C-alpha atoms as a PDB file:
ATOM      1  CA  MET A   1     -48.205  -2.497  12.282  1.00  0.00           C
ATOM      2  CA  SER A   2     -46.429  -4.149  15.181  1.00  0.00           C
ATOM      3  CA  ASP A   3     -43.292  -2.673  16.752  1.00  0.00           C
ATOM      4  CA  PRO A   4     -40.941  -5.315  15.246  1.00  0.00           C
ATOM      5  CA  LEU A   5     -42.226  -4.492  11.767  1.00  0.00           C
ATOM      6  CA  ARG A   6     -41.647  -0.784  12.330  1.00  0.00           C
ATOM      7  CA  ARG A   7     -38.089  -1.478  13.460  1.00  0.00           C
ATOM      8  CA  ILE A   8     -37.492  -3.582  10.351  1.00  0.00           C
ATOM      9  CA  ASP A   9     -38.936  -0.842   8.143  1.00  0.00           C
ATOM     10  CA  ALA A  10     -36.640   1.666   9.824  1.00  0.00           C
ATOM     11  CA  LEU A  11     -33.640  -0.514   9.018  1.00  0.00           C
ATOM     12  CA  VAL A  12     -34.385  -0.552   5.312  1.00  0.00           C
ATOM     13  CA  GLU A  13     -35.301   3.111   4.790  1.00  0.00           C
ATOM     14  CA  GLU A  14     -32.534   5.160   3.184  1.00  0.00           C
ATOM     15  CA  GLY A  15     -30.452   6.937   5.805  1.00  0.00           C
ATOM     16  CA  THR A  16     -32.490   5.680   8.748  1.00  0.00           C
ATOM     17  CA  LEU A  17     -30.463   4.181  11.556  1.00  0.00           C
ATOM     18  CA  PRO A  18     -31.520   1.632  14.155  1.00  0.00           C
ATOM     19  CA  THR A  19     -30.984   2.329  17.829  1.00  0.00           C
ATOM     20  CA  PRO A  20     -27.390   2.463  19.101  1.00  0.00           C
ATOM     21  CA  GLN A  21     -27.906  -0.900  20.827  1.00  0.00           C
ATOM     22  CA  VAL A  22     -28.945  -2.569  17.569  1.00  0.00           C
ATOM     23  CA  ARG A  23     -26.044  -0.940  15.709  1.00  0.00           C
ATOM     24  CA  ARG A  24     -23.620  -2.626  18.089  1.00  0.00           C
ATOM     25  CA  GLN A  25     -25.489  -5.953  18.002  1.00  0.00           C
ATOM     26  CA  LEU A  26     -25.300  -6.024  14.199  1.00  0.00           C
ATOM     27  CA  ARG A  27     -21.573  -5.271  14.174  1.00  0.00           C
ATOM     28  CA  VAL A  28     -20.839  -7.910  16.806  1.00  0.00           C
ATOM     29  CA  ALA A  29     -23.039 -10.506  15.069  1.00  0.00           C
ATOM     30  CA  ALA A  30     -21.010  -9.963  11.904  1.00  0.00           C
ATOM     31  CA  GLY A  31     -17.750 -10.420  13.821  1.00  0.00           C
ATOM     32  CA  LEU A  32     -16.548  -6.929  12.935  1.00  0.00           C
ATOM     33  CA  THR A  33     -14.498  -4.609  15.098  1.00  0.00           C
ATOM     34  CA  GLN A  34     -15.265  -0.927  15.453  1.00  0.00           C
ATOM     35  CA  ASN A  35     -12.028  -0.255  13.605  1.00  0.00           C
ATOM     36  CA  GLU A  36     -13.079  -2.423  10.638  1.00  0.00           C
ATOM     37  CA  VAL A  37     -16.399  -0.595  10.378  1.00  0.00           C
ATOM     38  CA  ALA A  38     -14.645   2.768  10.684  1.00  0.00           C
ATOM     39  CA  GLU A  39     -12.221   1.912   7.885  1.00  0.00           C
ATOM     40  CA  ALA A  40     -15.062   0.751   5.622  1.00  0.00           C
ATOM     41  CA  ILE A  41     -16.976   4.003   6.130  1.00  0.00           C
ATOM     42  CA  GLY A  42     -13.920   6.261   6.170  1.00  0.00           C
ATOM     43  CA  VAL A  43     -14.116   7.590   9.717  1.00  0.00           C
ATOM     44  CA  LYS A  44     -12.139   7.133  12.929  1.00  0.00           C
ATOM     45  CA  ARG A  45     -12.909   4.286  15.316  1.00  0.00           C
ATOM     46  CA  LEU A  46     -13.976   6.832  17.939  1.00  0.00           C
ATOM     47  CA  ALA A  47     -16.840   7.894  15.660  1.00  0.00           C
ATOM     48  CA  ILE A  48     -18.186   4.330  15.550  1.00  0.00           C
ATOM     49  CA  SER A  49     -17.841   4.064  19.315  1.00  0.00           C
ATOM     50  CA  ARG A  50     -19.817   7.281  19.791  1.00  0.00           C
ATOM     51  CA  TRP A  51     -22.499   6.231  17.263  1.00  0.00           C
ATOM     52  CA  GLU A  52     -22.946   2.905  19.058  1.00  0.00           C
ATOM     53  CA  ALA A  53     -23.120   4.641  22.434  1.00  0.00           C
ATOM     54  CA  GLY A  54     -25.722   7.121  21.208  1.00  0.00           C
ATOM     55  CA  GLN A  55     -23.368  10.019  21.967  1.00  0.00           C
ATOM     56  CA  ALA A  56     -23.276  11.266  18.365  1.00  0.00           C
ATOM     57  CA  GLN A  57     -24.939  10.744  15.001  1.00  0.00           C
ATOM     58  CA  PRO A  58     -23.160  10.424  11.651  1.00  0.00           C
ATOM     59  CA  HIS A  59     -23.382  13.306   9.201  1.00  0.00           C
ATOM     60  CA  ARG A  60     -25.142  12.972   5.835  1.00  0.00           C
ATOM     61  CA  GLY A  61     -22.566  11.088   3.703  1.00  0.00           C
ATOM     62  CA  ASN A  62     -21.371   8.939   6.568  1.00  0.00           C
ATOM     63  CA  ARG A  63     -24.962   8.342   7.653  1.00  0.00           C
ATOM     64  CA  ARG A  64     -25.884   6.940   4.230  1.00  0.00           C
ATOM     65  CA  ALA A  65     -22.841   4.646   4.184  1.00  0.00           C
ATOM     66  CA  TYR A  66     -23.426   3.513   7.777  1.00  0.00           C
ATOM     67  CA  ALA A  67     -27.143   2.886   7.128  1.00  0.00           C
ATOM     68  CA  HIS A  68     -26.235   0.862   4.035  1.00  0.00           C
ATOM     69  CA  LEU A  69     -23.780  -1.247   6.040  1.00  0.00           C
ATOM     70  CA  LEU A  70     -26.314  -1.815   8.811  1.00  0.00           C
ATOM     71  CA  ARG A  71     -29.026  -2.837   6.324  1.00  0.00           C
ATOM     72  CA  ARG A  72     -26.658  -5.388   4.788  1.00  0.00           C
ATOM     73  CA  LEU A  73     -25.718  -6.717   8.228  1.00  0.00           C
ATOM     74  CA  ALA A  74     -29.401  -6.905   9.235  1.00  0.00           C
ATOM     75  CA  SER A  75     -30.181  -8.972   6.153  1.00  0.00           C
ATOM     76  CA  LYS A  76     -27.437 -11.436   7.091  1.00  0.00           C
ATOM     77  CA  HIS A  77     -28.110 -11.381  10.842  1.00  0.00           C
ATOM     78  CA  PRO A  78     -31.843 -10.720  11.332  1.00  0.00           C
ATOM     79  CA  ASP A  79     -31.799 -11.852  14.970  1.00  0.00           C
ATOM     80  CA  ALA A  80     -29.245  -9.146  15.773  1.00  0.00           C
ATOM     81  CA  ALA A  81     -31.590  -6.500  14.337  1.00  0.00           C
ATOM     82  CA  ALA A  82     -34.018  -7.038  17.215  1.00  0.00           C
ATOM     83  CA  GLU A  83     -33.798  -4.665  20.125  1.00  0.00           C
ATOM     84  CA  ARG A  84     -33.289  -6.650  23.306  1.00  0.00           C
ATOM     85  CA  ARG A  85     -34.373  -5.784  26.775  1.00  0.00           C
ATOM     86  CA  PRO A  86     -31.582  -5.675  29.397  1.00  0.00           C
ATOM     87  CA  HIS A  87     -32.494  -9.109  30.836  1.00  0.00           C
ATOM     88  CA  GLU A  88     -32.426 -10.758  27.377  1.00  0.00           C
ATOM     89  CA  LYS A  89     -28.683 -10.453  26.721  1.00  0.00           C
END
C-alpha cells in the first residue's frame, strides 16, 4: 500500500488523527478558526492550537470528536488531507 493510501486509512480509522500539519490544513481549508473548532468539540482554543502544533494530544472523548471532525473535513477537502513538504506550501 502506498504512503498516501496509508494516510487516508489513518484519517478514517476511529480515533486516529492525522499529523498536526494536516490537522491545520483541514481546518484552514474549511475556513474554520481554531476557536470555532474548539467550541464544536467543547475545549479551549489553546487546546486546538497545541494539537495543531503537535505539543499535545486530545484525550479519549475529545480525541474521538476531533477525529470525527477531521474525517468529515477530509471528505470535503481531500487535497488538504495530503501532507505537504515545506517547499510545497
